[in-house]
Amino acid sequence: MADSVAITLLRHGLTEANERKAYLGWTDSPLSMEGKRDIQELKHLYPTYERIHTSDLCRCTETVRQLFPDIIPVKNPSFREMNFGTWEGLTYDELKTNAEYQKWLENPMGAEVPKGESYPEFSRRVQAGWIQLTTEENGRNYAVMTHGGVIRELLSRYAPRERPFWDWSITHARGYELTWDDRESLRRGERCTLLQEVPIMGKLNGQSNFTG
């Protein structure tokens, strides 16, 4: 449709911290060798975009640079992963005896993260960035390079059918394209009318952890 708008939500490439299954929020970790190989193998499968917005963290900007070397992205810290505070860089095995961590696992949408963000704080930040993006952007086909938690947050709100945050699994260097019939429905905060994987790689949905 001539008036449709498509926004593709992409997750950065696999990092060294991701390989360790460590919590990775506002700290950074370089792309791993496997992550770089994966990006190069997928590079030719991606469509072109009018503009790319990105989290300002290096794992996202580096993924943009490798996938879309001719595009200068628009950096936006609102699209950072959740801030895991004192748990940054640690794994489940390193945290499992921590009482605050156990409390968070029991209620990840409500419990506090020491020196980090609660889910409500994370959600408000991401939504503020999304509103800014959809209000100011006038393109018809653009992308956001971001993190697993951010993509889950946006899909839970804007996918065609409602699904809980944790029901979405986002593979590294892949994502989803969301299409609205017109810009006004997008700006009103309505759910998109079409959702498809990018690139087309088979089923992505399932359970996953929340590790940036």
N, C-alpha and C. Protein backbone atom coordinates (compact mmCIF):
# COMPACT_ATOMS: atom_id res chain seq x y z
N MET A 1 0.82 -1.20 0.00
CA MET A 1 0.00 0.00 0.00
C MET A 1 0.86 1.25 0.00
N ALA A 2 0.41 2.26 -0.76
CA ALA A 2 1.23 3.45 -0.96
C ALA A 2 1.50 4.20 0.33
N ASP A 3 0.57 4.17 1.26
CA ASP A 3 0.71 4.94 2.49
C ASP A 3 1.30 4.14 3.66
N SER A 4 1.66 2.90 3.41
CA SER A 4 2.14 2.04 4.50
C SER A 4 3.52 2.48 5.00
N VAL A 5 3.81 2.14 6.26
CA VAL A 5 5.10 2.43 6.88
C VAL A 5 5.63 1.14 7.49
N ALA A 6 6.89 0.81 7.19
CA ALA A 6 7.52 -0.40 7.72
C ALA A 6 8.71 -0.01 8.60
N ILE A 7 8.74 -0.56 9.80
CA ILE A 7 9.87 -0.36 10.72
C ILE A 7 10.42 -1.74 11.08
N THR A 8 11.70 -1.93 10.82
CA THR A 8 12.35 -3.20 11.13
C THR A 8 13.14 -3.07 12.42
N LEU A 9 12.88 -3.95 13.37
CA LEU A 9 13.59 -3.99 14.65
C LEU A 9 14.64 -5.08 14.57
N LEU A 10 15.91 -4.71 14.66
CA LEU A 10 17.02 -5.66 14.52
C LEU A 10 17.82 -5.75 15.81
N ARG A 11 18.25 -6.96 16.12
CA ARG A 11 19.12 -7.14 17.28
C ARG A 11 20.58 -7.17 16.81
N HIS A 12 21.45 -6.58 17.60
CA HIS A 12 22.88 -6.55 17.28
C HIS A 12 23.45 -7.97 17.17
N GLY A 13 24.66 -8.08 16.63
CA GLY A 13 25.33 -9.36 16.50
C GLY A 13 25.75 -9.95 17.84
N LEU A 14 26.01 -11.23 17.83
CA LEU A 14 26.43 -11.95 19.03
C LEU A 14 27.74 -11.37 19.58
N THR A 15 27.78 -11.16 20.90
CA THR A 15 28.97 -10.62 21.55
C THR A 15 29.67 -11.69 22.40
N GLU A 16 30.86 -11.36 22.86
CA GLU A 16 31.59 -12.28 23.73
C GLU A 16 30.84 -12.51 25.03
N ALA A 17 30.22 -11.46 25.58
CA ALA A 17 29.44 -11.60 26.81
C ALA A 17 28.20 -12.44 26.58
N ASN A 18 27.55 -12.29 25.41
CA ASN A 18 26.41 -13.13 25.08
C ASN A 18 26.79 -14.60 25.05
N GLU A 19 27.96 -14.89 24.54
CA GLU A 19 28.40 -16.29 24.48
C GLU A 19 28.57 -16.88 25.88
N ARG A 20 28.92 -16.03 26.85
CA ARG A 20 29.03 -16.50 28.23
C ARG A 20 27.68 -16.52 28.95
N LYS A 21 26.62 -16.04 28.25
CA LYS A 21 25.27 -15.92 28.83
C LYS A 21 25.27 -14.97 30.03
N ALA A 22 26.07 -13.90 29.90
CA ALA A 22 26.16 -12.89 30.95
C ALA A 22 25.11 -11.80 30.72
N TYR A 23 24.70 -11.14 31.81
CA TYR A 23 23.80 -10.01 31.69
C TYR A 23 24.56 -8.83 31.09
N LEU A 24 24.02 -8.31 30.01
CA LEU A 24 24.70 -7.27 29.26
C LEU A 24 23.71 -6.16 28.96
N GLY A 25 23.83 -5.06 29.69
CA GLY A 25 22.91 -3.95 29.53
C GLY A 25 23.62 -2.72 29.01
N TRP A 26 24.01 -1.81 29.91
CA TRP A 26 24.63 -0.56 29.49
C TRP A 26 26.15 -0.68 29.36
N THR A 27 26.74 -1.72 29.92
CA THR A 27 28.15 -1.97 29.63
C THR A 27 28.22 -2.57 28.24
N ASP A 28 29.42 -2.71 27.70
CA ASP A 28 29.51 -3.23 26.34
C ASP A 28 30.45 -4.41 26.27
N SER A 29 30.36 -5.10 25.16
CA SER A 29 31.18 -6.27 24.89
C SER A 29 31.38 -6.33 23.38
N PRO A 30 32.58 -6.65 22.93
CA PRO A 30 32.81 -6.70 21.48
C PRO A 30 32.07 -7.86 20.83
N LEU A 31 31.76 -7.69 19.55
CA LEU A 31 31.18 -8.80 18.80
C LEU A 31 32.16 -9.97 18.80
N SER A 32 31.65 -11.16 18.97
CA SER A 32 32.50 -12.35 18.97
C SER A 32 32.84 -12.74 17.54
N MET A 33 33.79 -13.65 17.38
CA MET A 33 34.14 -14.12 16.05
C MET A 33 32.94 -14.78 15.38
N GLU A 34 32.18 -15.56 16.16
CA GLU A 34 30.98 -16.17 15.60
C GLU A 34 29.97 -15.10 15.19
N GLY A 35 29.83 -14.07 16.01
CA GLY A 35 28.91 -12.99 15.69
C GLY A 35 29.29 -12.30 14.39
N LYS A 36 30.57 -12.04 14.18
CA LYS A 36 31.03 -11.39 12.96
C LYS A 36 30.81 -12.28 11.75
N ARG A 37 31.06 -13.57 11.90
CA ARG A 37 30.83 -14.50 10.78
C ARG A 37 29.35 -14.54 10.41
N ASP A 38 28.51 -14.57 11.42
CA ASP A 38 27.07 -14.61 11.20
C ASP A 38 26.60 -13.38 10.43
N ILE A 39 27.10 -12.21 10.82
CA ILE A 39 26.74 -10.97 10.14
C ILE A 39 27.13 -11.02 8.67
N GLN A 40 28.34 -11.49 8.39
CA GLN A 40 28.79 -11.54 7.00
C GLN A 40 27.97 -12.52 6.17
N GLU A 41 27.56 -13.62 6.78
CA GLU A 41 26.74 -14.60 6.07
C GLU A 41 25.34 -14.08 5.77
N LEU A 42 24.83 -13.19 6.64
CA LEU A 42 23.47 -12.67 6.48
C LEU A 42 23.42 -11.39 5.65
N LYS A 43 24.55 -10.75 5.47
CA LYS A 43 24.61 -9.40 4.93
C LYS A 43 23.82 -9.24 3.63
N HIS A 44 23.94 -10.19 2.74
CA HIS A 44 23.30 -10.07 1.43
C HIS A 44 21.79 -10.30 1.47
N LEU A 45 21.27 -10.78 2.62
CA LEU A 45 19.84 -11.09 2.73
C LEU A 45 19.00 -9.90 3.17
N TYR A 46 19.65 -8.85 3.66
CA TYR A 46 18.89 -7.72 4.19
C TYR A 46 18.42 -6.79 3.09
N PRO A 47 17.21 -6.23 3.24
CA PRO A 47 16.76 -5.20 2.30
C PRO A 47 17.49 -3.89 2.57
N THR A 48 17.25 -2.89 1.73
CA THR A 48 17.82 -1.56 1.96
C THR A 48 16.82 -0.73 2.77
N TYR A 49 17.33 0.23 3.53
CA TYR A 49 16.50 1.09 4.37
C TYR A 49 16.79 2.55 4.06
N GLU A 50 15.77 3.38 4.20
CA GLU A 50 15.96 4.81 3.99
C GLU A 50 16.86 5.41 5.07
N ARG A 51 16.69 4.93 6.30
CA ARG A 51 17.48 5.42 7.42
C ARG A 51 17.52 4.33 8.48
N ILE A 52 18.61 4.33 9.28
CA ILE A 52 18.73 3.38 10.38
C ILE A 52 18.97 4.15 11.67
N HIS A 53 18.12 3.91 12.66
CA HIS A 53 18.30 4.43 14.00
C HIS A 53 18.93 3.31 14.83
N THR A 54 19.73 3.69 15.83
CA THR A 54 20.44 2.67 16.59
C THR A 54 20.64 3.08 18.04
N SER A 55 20.67 2.09 18.91
CA SER A 55 21.20 2.30 20.26
C SER A 55 22.61 2.85 20.12
N ASP A 56 23.04 3.68 21.06
CA ASP A 56 24.38 4.25 20.97
C ASP A 56 25.47 3.32 21.48
N LEU A 57 25.11 2.12 21.96
CA LEU A 57 26.13 1.20 22.45
C LEU A 57 26.89 0.55 21.29
N CYS A 58 28.18 0.30 21.52
CA CYS A 58 29.07 -0.09 20.43
C CYS A 58 28.65 -1.39 19.74
N ARG A 59 28.06 -2.33 20.47
CA ARG A 59 27.68 -3.58 19.82
C ARG A 59 26.61 -3.37 18.76
N CYS A 60 25.80 -2.33 18.92
CA CYS A 60 24.80 -1.99 17.92
C CYS A 60 25.41 -1.18 16.77
N THR A 61 26.19 -0.16 17.10
CA THR A 61 26.75 0.67 16.03
C THR A 61 27.73 -0.13 15.17
N GLU A 62 28.44 -1.08 15.79
CA GLU A 62 29.36 -1.92 15.02
C GLU A 62 28.59 -2.87 14.10
N THR A 63 27.47 -3.39 14.58
CA THR A 63 26.65 -4.26 13.73
C THR A 63 26.12 -3.48 12.54
N VAL A 64 25.67 -2.24 12.77
CA VAL A 64 25.22 -1.39 11.66
C VAL A 64 26.36 -1.18 10.67
N ARG A 65 27.54 -0.89 11.18
CA ARG A 65 28.68 -0.61 10.30
C ARG A 65 28.99 -1.80 9.41
N GLN A 66 28.90 -3.02 9.97
CA GLN A 66 29.24 -4.21 9.19
C GLN A 66 28.13 -4.61 8.23
N LEU A 67 26.87 -4.43 8.64
CA LEU A 67 25.75 -4.82 7.77
C LEU A 67 25.45 -3.77 6.71
N PHE A 68 25.56 -2.49 7.11
CA PHE A 68 25.16 -1.39 6.22
C PHE A 68 26.28 -0.34 6.17
N PRO A 69 27.41 -0.67 5.56
CA PRO A 69 28.59 0.21 5.64
C PRO A 69 28.39 1.58 5.01
N ASP A 70 27.41 1.73 4.14
CA ASP A 70 27.20 3.01 3.46
C ASP A 70 26.22 3.93 4.18
N ILE A 71 25.68 3.49 5.32
CA ILE A 71 24.68 4.26 6.04
C ILE A 71 25.27 4.80 7.34
N ILE A 72 25.08 6.09 7.59
CA ILE A 72 25.45 6.68 8.88
C ILE A 72 24.21 6.65 9.78
N PRO A 73 24.20 5.86 10.84
CA PRO A 73 22.99 5.70 11.65
C PRO A 73 22.73 6.90 12.56
N VAL A 74 21.48 7.02 12.98
CA VAL A 74 21.07 8.02 13.95
C VAL A 74 21.10 7.36 15.33
N LYS A 75 21.97 7.82 16.21
CA LYS A 75 22.13 7.19 17.53
C LYS A 75 21.12 7.73 18.52
N ASN A 76 20.54 6.82 19.30
CA ASN A 76 19.54 7.23 20.30
C ASN A 76 19.69 6.35 21.54
N PRO A 77 20.17 6.92 22.66
CA PRO A 77 20.36 6.13 23.88
C PRO A 77 19.06 5.58 24.46
N SER A 78 17.91 6.09 24.03
CA SER A 78 16.64 5.54 24.51
C SER A 78 16.48 4.07 24.12
N PHE A 79 17.19 3.64 23.08
CA PHE A 79 17.07 2.27 22.60
C PHE A 79 18.15 1.36 23.17
N ARG A 80 18.78 1.79 24.27
CA ARG A 80 19.71 0.90 24.98
C ARG A 80 18.95 -0.26 25.66
N GLU A 81 19.69 -1.33 25.91
CA GLU A 81 19.14 -2.44 26.69
C GLU A 81 18.87 -1.97 28.12
N MET A 82 18.15 -2.76 28.87
CA MET A 82 17.92 -2.47 30.29
C MET A 82 19.25 -2.39 31.03
N ASN A 83 19.35 -1.47 31.97
CA ASN A 83 20.55 -1.32 32.79
C ASN A 83 20.51 -2.34 33.93
N PHE A 84 21.45 -3.30 33.91
CA PHE A 84 21.47 -4.35 34.91
C PHE A 84 22.33 -4.01 36.13
N GLY A 85 22.78 -2.76 36.22
CA GLY A 85 23.45 -2.29 37.43
C GLY A 85 24.61 -3.18 37.87
N THR A 86 24.57 -3.60 39.13
CA THR A 86 25.68 -4.39 39.69
C THR A 86 25.74 -5.80 39.12
N TRP A 87 24.75 -6.19 38.35
CA TRP A 87 24.76 -7.54 37.74
C TRP A 87 25.38 -7.55 36.35
N GLU A 88 25.77 -6.39 35.86
CA GLU A 88 26.35 -6.32 34.52
C GLU A 88 27.57 -7.24 34.41
N GLY A 89 27.58 -8.06 33.36
CA GLY A 89 28.71 -8.93 33.08
C GLY A 89 28.72 -10.23 33.86
N LEU A 90 27.74 -10.43 34.74
CA LEU A 90 27.69 -11.64 35.54
C LEU A 90 26.70 -12.64 34.95
N THR A 91 26.92 -13.90 35.24
CA THR A 91 26.06 -14.97 34.74
C THR A 91 25.12 -15.45 35.84
N TYR A 92 24.17 -16.29 35.46
CA TYR A 92 23.24 -16.86 36.43
C TYR A 92 24.00 -17.60 37.53
N ASP A 93 25.01 -18.39 37.15
CA ASP A 93 25.76 -19.16 38.14
C ASP A 93 26.46 -18.26 39.14
N GLU A 94 26.89 -17.09 38.68
CA GLU A 94 27.58 -16.15 39.57
C GLU A 94 26.59 -15.38 40.46
N LEU A 95 25.32 -15.36 40.08
CA LEU A 95 24.33 -14.57 40.81
C LEU A 95 23.33 -15.40 41.60
N LYS A 96 23.28 -16.69 41.37
CA LYS A 96 22.16 -17.50 41.87
C LYS A 96 22.01 -17.52 43.39
N THR A 97 23.06 -17.22 44.13
CA THR A 97 22.95 -17.19 45.59
C THR A 97 22.67 -15.77 46.12
N ASN A 98 22.55 -14.80 45.22
CA ASN A 98 22.30 -13.42 45.59
C ASN A 98 20.81 -13.24 45.88
N ALA A 99 20.47 -12.79 47.08
CA ALA A 99 19.07 -12.67 47.49
C ALA A 99 18.30 -11.66 46.63
N GLU A 100 18.93 -10.53 46.30
CA GLU A 100 18.25 -9.53 45.47
C GLU A 100 17.98 -10.08 44.07
N TYR A 101 18.92 -10.84 43.56
CA TYR A 101 18.74 -11.44 42.24
C TYR A 101 17.60 -12.45 42.25
N GLN A 102 17.54 -13.27 43.29
CA GLN A 102 16.46 -14.25 43.39
C GLN A 102 15.10 -13.55 43.48
N LYS A 103 15.05 -12.44 44.18
CA LYS A 103 13.81 -11.67 44.27
C LYS A 103 13.42 -11.12 42.90
N TRP A 104 14.40 -10.68 42.12
CA TRP A 104 14.13 -10.17 40.78
C TRP A 104 13.63 -11.28 39.86
N LEU A 105 14.23 -12.47 39.97
CA LEU A 105 13.78 -13.59 39.14
C LEU A 105 12.32 -13.94 39.41
N GLU A 106 11.90 -13.79 40.65
CA GLU A 106 10.51 -14.09 41.01
C GLU A 106 9.54 -13.06 40.46
N ASN A 107 10.03 -11.81 40.25
CA ASN A 107 9.16 -10.75 39.76
C ASN A 107 9.97 -9.77 38.91
N PRO A 108 10.42 -10.19 37.72
CA PRO A 108 11.29 -9.33 36.91
C PRO A 108 10.61 -8.08 36.40
N MET A 109 9.29 -8.05 36.39
CA MET A 109 8.59 -6.86 35.91
C MET A 109 8.33 -5.84 37.01
N GLY A 110 8.67 -6.19 38.25
CA GLY A 110 8.38 -5.27 39.34
C GLY A 110 9.53 -5.02 40.29
N ALA A 111 10.41 -6.01 40.45
CA ALA A 111 11.51 -5.89 41.43
C ALA A 111 12.59 -4.92 40.95
N GLU A 112 13.30 -4.36 41.90
CA GLU A 112 14.37 -3.41 41.59
C GLU A 112 15.66 -4.15 41.20
N VAL A 113 16.45 -3.52 40.36
CA VAL A 113 17.79 -4.00 40.01
C VAL A 113 18.79 -3.08 40.71
N PRO A 114 19.65 -3.60 41.58
CA PRO A 114 20.59 -2.74 42.31
C PRO A 114 21.43 -1.86 41.38
N LYS A 115 21.33 -0.55 41.57
CA LYS A 115 22.06 0.44 40.78
C LYS A 115 21.75 0.33 39.29
N GLY A 116 20.60 -0.24 38.95
CA GLY A 116 20.19 -0.38 37.55
C GLY A 116 18.79 0.16 37.35
N GLU A 117 18.07 -0.41 36.38
CA GLU A 117 16.72 0.01 36.07
C GLU A 117 15.72 -1.07 36.45
N SER A 118 14.57 -0.66 36.92
CA SER A 118 13.44 -1.58 37.05
C SER A 118 12.80 -1.71 35.68
N TYR A 119 11.97 -2.74 35.51
CA TYR A 119 11.27 -2.88 34.23
C TYR A 119 10.42 -1.64 33.91
N PRO A 120 9.64 -1.09 34.85
CA PRO A 120 8.85 0.11 34.51
C PRO A 120 9.71 1.27 34.01
N GLU A 121 10.88 1.47 34.62
CA GLU A 121 11.78 2.54 34.17
C GLU A 121 12.28 2.26 32.76
N PHE A 122 12.69 1.03 32.52
CA PHE A 122 13.14 0.61 31.19
C PHE A 122 12.03 0.83 30.15
N SER A 123 10.82 0.39 30.48
CA SER A 123 9.70 0.51 29.56
C SER A 123 9.40 1.96 29.22
N ARG A 124 9.40 2.84 30.21
CA ARG A 124 9.13 4.27 29.95
C ARG A 124 10.19 4.87 29.04
N ARG A 125 11.44 4.51 29.26
CA ARG A 125 12.52 5.04 28.42
C ARG A 125 12.37 4.59 26.97
N VAL A 126 12.12 3.31 26.78
CA VAL A 126 11.97 2.79 25.42
C VAL A 126 10.78 3.43 24.71
N GLN A 127 9.67 3.56 25.45
CA GLN A 127 8.47 4.15 24.84
C GLN A 127 8.69 5.62 24.48
N ALA A 128 9.45 6.33 25.31
CA ALA A 128 9.77 7.73 24.98
C ALA A 128 10.57 7.81 23.69
N GLY A 129 11.54 6.90 23.53
CA GLY A 129 12.33 6.87 22.30
C GLY A 129 11.48 6.51 21.09
N TRP A 130 10.56 5.57 21.29
CA TRP A 130 9.68 5.14 20.19
C TRP A 130 8.76 6.29 19.75
N ILE A 131 8.19 7.00 20.70
CA ILE A 131 7.31 8.12 20.37
C ILE A 131 8.09 9.20 19.63
N GLN A 132 9.31 9.49 20.10
CA GLN A 132 10.14 10.46 19.41
C GLN A 132 10.42 10.01 17.98
N LEU A 133 10.77 8.75 17.81
CA LEU A 133 11.09 8.22 16.49
C LEU A 133 9.89 8.30 15.55
N THR A 134 8.75 7.82 15.99
CA THR A 134 7.59 7.74 15.10
C THR A 134 6.96 9.11 14.85
N THR A 135 7.23 10.07 15.74
CA THR A 135 6.74 11.42 15.53
C THR A 135 7.61 12.20 14.55
N GLU A 136 8.92 12.02 14.66
CA GLU A 136 9.85 12.82 13.87
C GLU A 136 10.21 12.19 12.53
N GLU A 137 10.18 10.86 12.47
CA GLU A 137 10.59 10.17 11.25
C GLU A 137 9.47 10.17 10.21
N ASN A 138 9.80 10.55 8.98
CA ASN A 138 8.80 10.61 7.91
C ASN A 138 9.07 9.61 6.79
N GLY A 139 10.04 8.71 7.00
CA GLY A 139 10.34 7.71 5.99
C GLY A 139 9.27 6.64 5.91
N ARG A 140 9.35 5.80 4.89
CA ARG A 140 8.40 4.71 4.69
C ARG A 140 9.00 3.35 5.04
N ASN A 141 10.33 3.29 5.11
CA ASN A 141 10.98 2.01 5.34
C ASN A 141 12.30 2.24 6.05
N TYR A 142 12.30 2.09 7.38
CA TYR A 142 13.51 2.32 8.14
C TYR A 142 13.69 1.25 9.20
N ALA A 143 14.83 1.27 9.86
CA ALA A 143 15.18 0.20 10.80
C ALA A 143 15.70 0.79 12.10
N VAL A 144 15.60 -0.01 13.16
CA VAL A 144 16.16 0.31 14.46
C VAL A 144 17.06 -0.84 14.87
N MET A 145 18.35 -0.58 15.04
CA MET A 145 19.29 -1.59 15.52
C MET A 145 19.37 -1.46 17.04
N THR A 146 18.98 -2.48 17.75
CA THR A 146 18.86 -2.35 19.19
C THR A 146 19.14 -3.69 19.89
N HIS A 147 18.45 -3.97 20.98
CA HIS A 147 18.76 -5.09 21.86
C HIS A 147 17.54 -5.98 22.06
N GLY A 148 17.81 -7.20 22.55
CA GLY A 148 16.74 -8.16 22.71
C GLY A 148 15.60 -7.67 23.58
N GLY A 149 15.91 -7.05 24.71
CA GLY A 149 14.86 -6.58 25.61
C GLY A 149 14.04 -5.47 25.01
N VAL A 150 14.68 -4.57 24.26
CA VAL A 150 13.97 -3.47 23.62
C VAL A 150 13.00 -4.01 22.57
N ILE A 151 13.47 -4.96 21.78
CA ILE A 151 12.61 -5.53 20.74
C ILE A 151 11.42 -6.25 21.35
N ARG A 152 11.65 -7.01 22.43
CA ARG A 152 10.54 -7.68 23.11
C ARG A 152 9.51 -6.66 23.62
N GLU A 153 10.01 -5.58 24.19
CA GLU A 153 9.13 -4.53 24.71
C GLU A 153 8.25 -3.96 23.59
N LEU A 154 8.85 -3.67 22.46
CA LEU A 154 8.10 -3.07 21.36
C LEU A 154 7.16 -4.08 20.70
N LEU A 155 7.58 -5.32 20.57
CA LEU A 155 6.70 -6.33 20.00
C LEU A 155 5.50 -6.61 20.90
N SER A 156 5.73 -6.61 22.20
CA SER A 156 4.62 -6.88 23.11
C SER A 156 3.54 -5.81 23.01
N ARG A 157 3.93 -4.60 22.58
CA ARG A 157 2.98 -3.50 22.45
C ARG A 157 2.42 -3.33 21.04
N TYR A 158 3.24 -3.66 20.02
CA TYR A 158 2.86 -3.26 18.66
C TYR A 158 2.74 -4.41 17.66
N ALA A 159 3.02 -5.65 18.04
CA ALA A 159 2.78 -6.77 17.14
C ALA A 159 1.29 -6.90 16.86
N PRO A 160 0.89 -7.52 15.76
CA PRO A 160 -0.54 -7.59 15.42
C PRO A 160 -1.41 -8.21 16.50
N ARG A 161 -0.90 -9.24 17.16
CA ARG A 161 -1.64 -9.88 18.24
C ARG A 161 -0.85 -9.77 19.54
N GLU A 162 -1.54 -9.52 20.62
CA GLU A 162 -0.90 -9.34 21.92
C GLU A 162 -0.25 -10.63 22.40
N ARG A 163 1.01 -10.53 22.80
CA ARG A 163 1.72 -11.65 23.40
C ARG A 163 2.60 -11.10 24.51
N PRO A 164 2.81 -11.85 25.60
CA PRO A 164 3.62 -11.35 26.70
C PRO A 164 5.08 -11.11 26.31
N PHE A 165 5.70 -10.22 27.03
CA PHE A 165 7.11 -9.85 26.83
C PHE A 165 7.99 -11.09 26.67
N TRP A 166 7.86 -12.04 27.60
CA TRP A 166 8.77 -13.19 27.64
C TRP A 166 8.48 -14.23 26.56
N ASP A 167 7.38 -14.09 25.84
CA ASP A 167 7.06 -15.05 24.78
C ASP A 167 7.82 -14.81 23.49
N TRP A 168 8.51 -13.66 23.43
CA TRP A 168 9.28 -13.34 22.23
C TRP A 168 10.74 -13.75 22.39
N SER A 169 11.27 -14.40 21.38
CA SER A 169 12.69 -14.73 21.35
C SER A 169 13.33 -14.03 20.16
N ILE A 170 14.41 -13.33 20.41
CA ILE A 170 15.03 -12.51 19.36
C ILE A 170 16.45 -13.01 19.10
N THR A 171 16.70 -13.56 17.94
CA THR A 171 18.02 -14.07 17.59
C THR A 171 18.96 -12.93 17.22
N HIS A 172 20.23 -13.05 17.56
CA HIS A 172 21.21 -12.02 17.23
C HIS A 172 21.32 -11.82 15.72
N ALA A 173 21.47 -10.56 15.33
CA ALA A 173 21.62 -10.14 13.93
C ALA A 173 20.38 -10.45 13.09
N ARG A 174 19.24 -10.60 13.75
CA ARG A 174 17.98 -10.84 13.06
C ARG A 174 16.90 -10.02 13.74
N GLY A 175 15.70 -10.06 13.20
CA GLY A 175 14.65 -9.28 13.83
C GLY A 175 13.32 -9.43 13.13
N TYR A 176 12.50 -8.38 13.25
CA TYR A 176 11.16 -8.40 12.70
C TYR A 176 10.85 -7.08 12.01
N GLU A 177 10.13 -7.17 10.89
CA GLU A 177 9.60 -5.99 10.23
C GLU A 177 8.14 -5.82 10.59
N LEU A 178 7.77 -4.64 11.11
CA LEU A 178 6.39 -4.32 11.46
C LEU A 178 5.86 -3.32 10.45
N THR A 179 4.69 -3.58 9.90
CA THR A 179 4.12 -2.71 8.89
C THR A 179 2.76 -2.19 9.33
N TRP A 180 2.58 -0.88 9.20
CA TRP A 180 1.30 -0.21 9.47
C TRP A 180 0.70 0.23 8.14
N ASP A 181 -0.62 0.22 8.04
CA ASP A 181 -1.29 0.61 6.80
C ASP A 181 -1.08 2.07 6.46
N ASP A 182 -0.90 2.89 7.49
CA ASP A 182 -0.68 4.33 7.26
C ASP A 182 0.06 4.92 8.45
N ARG A 183 0.63 6.09 8.26
CA ARG A 183 1.45 6.72 9.30
C ARG A 183 0.63 7.13 10.52
N GLU A 184 -0.61 7.53 10.29
CA GLU A 184 -1.42 7.98 11.41
C GLU A 184 -1.72 6.85 12.39
N SER A 185 -1.97 5.65 11.90
CA SER A 185 -2.21 4.52 12.81
C SER A 185 -0.96 4.19 13.60
N LEU A 186 0.20 4.34 12.98
CA LEU A 186 1.48 4.16 13.69
C LEU A 186 1.61 5.19 14.80
N ARG A 187 1.36 6.46 14.48
CA ARG A 187 1.55 7.53 15.45
C ARG A 187 0.50 7.52 16.55
N ARG A 188 -0.64 6.92 16.28
CA ARG A 188 -1.66 6.78 17.33
C ARG A 188 -1.33 5.65 18.30
N GLY A 189 -0.28 4.91 18.03
CA GLY A 189 0.12 3.82 18.92
C GLY A 189 -0.64 2.54 18.69
N GLU A 190 -1.25 2.38 17.51
CA GLU A 190 -1.98 1.16 17.21
C GLU A 190 -1.02 0.02 16.87
N ARG A 191 -1.50 -1.20 17.01
CA ARG A 191 -0.71 -2.36 16.63
C ARG A 191 -0.53 -2.40 15.12
N CYS A 192 0.59 -2.96 14.67
CA CYS A 192 0.82 -3.06 13.24
C CYS A 192 -0.11 -4.10 12.63
N THR A 193 -0.22 -4.08 11.32
CA THR A 193 -1.11 -5.02 10.63
C THR A 193 -0.38 -6.21 10.04
N LEU A 194 0.95 -6.12 9.92
CA LEU A 194 1.74 -7.21 9.34
C LEU A 194 3.06 -7.32 10.09
N LEU A 195 3.44 -8.55 10.39
CA LEU A 195 4.71 -8.83 11.08
C LEU A 195 5.42 -9.95 10.35
N GLN A 196 6.70 -9.73 10.00
CA GLN A 196 7.45 -10.80 9.35
C GLN A 196 8.91 -10.76 9.79
N GLU A 197 9.54 -11.92 9.71
CA GLU A 197 10.94 -12.05 10.11
C GLU A 197 11.86 -11.38 9.10
N VAL A 198 12.99 -10.85 9.59
CA VAL A 198 14.02 -10.25 8.74
C VAL A 198 15.38 -10.70 9.25
N PRO A 199 16.23 -11.26 8.36
CA PRO A 199 15.84 -11.79 7.06
C PRO A 199 15.00 -13.06 7.22
N ILE A 200 14.46 -13.58 6.13
CA ILE A 200 13.62 -14.76 6.20
C ILE A 200 14.50 -15.97 6.50
N MET A 201 14.43 -16.44 7.77
CA MET A 201 15.32 -17.52 8.21
C MET A 201 14.58 -18.67 8.88
N GLY A 202 13.26 -18.69 8.82
CA GLY A 202 12.51 -19.71 9.55
C GLY A 202 12.06 -19.16 10.90
N LYS A 203 11.41 -19.99 11.68
CA LYS A 203 10.76 -19.56 12.92
C LYS A 203 11.77 -19.07 13.95
N LEU A 204 11.46 -17.91 14.55
CA LEU A 204 12.32 -17.33 15.58
C LEU A 204 11.69 -17.42 16.96
N ASN A 205 10.39 -17.63 17.05
CA ASN A 205 9.72 -17.51 18.35
C ASN A 205 10.01 -18.67 19.28
N GLY A 206 9.98 -18.39 20.57
CA GLY A 206 10.24 -19.40 21.59
C GLY A 206 10.68 -18.72 22.86
N GLN A 207 11.17 -19.47 23.81
CA GLN A 207 11.64 -18.90 25.07
C GLN A 207 13.09 -18.49 24.96
N SER A 208 13.45 -17.43 25.64
CA SER A 208 14.83 -16.96 25.63
C SER A 208 15.09 -16.19 26.91
N ASN A 209 16.37 -15.89 27.17
CA ASN A 209 16.67 -15.08 28.35
C ASN A 209 16.78 -13.61 27.97
N PHE A 210 17.10 -12.77 28.94
CA PHE A 210 17.02 -11.31 28.78
C PHE A 210 18.44 -10.79 28.99
N THR A 211 19.33 -11.03 27.99
CA THR A 211 20.73 -10.75 28.20
C THR A 211 21.33 -9.82 27.16
N GLY A 212 20.51 -8.86 26.68
CA GLY A 212 21.03 -7.75 25.88
C GLY A 212 21.35 -8.05 24.46
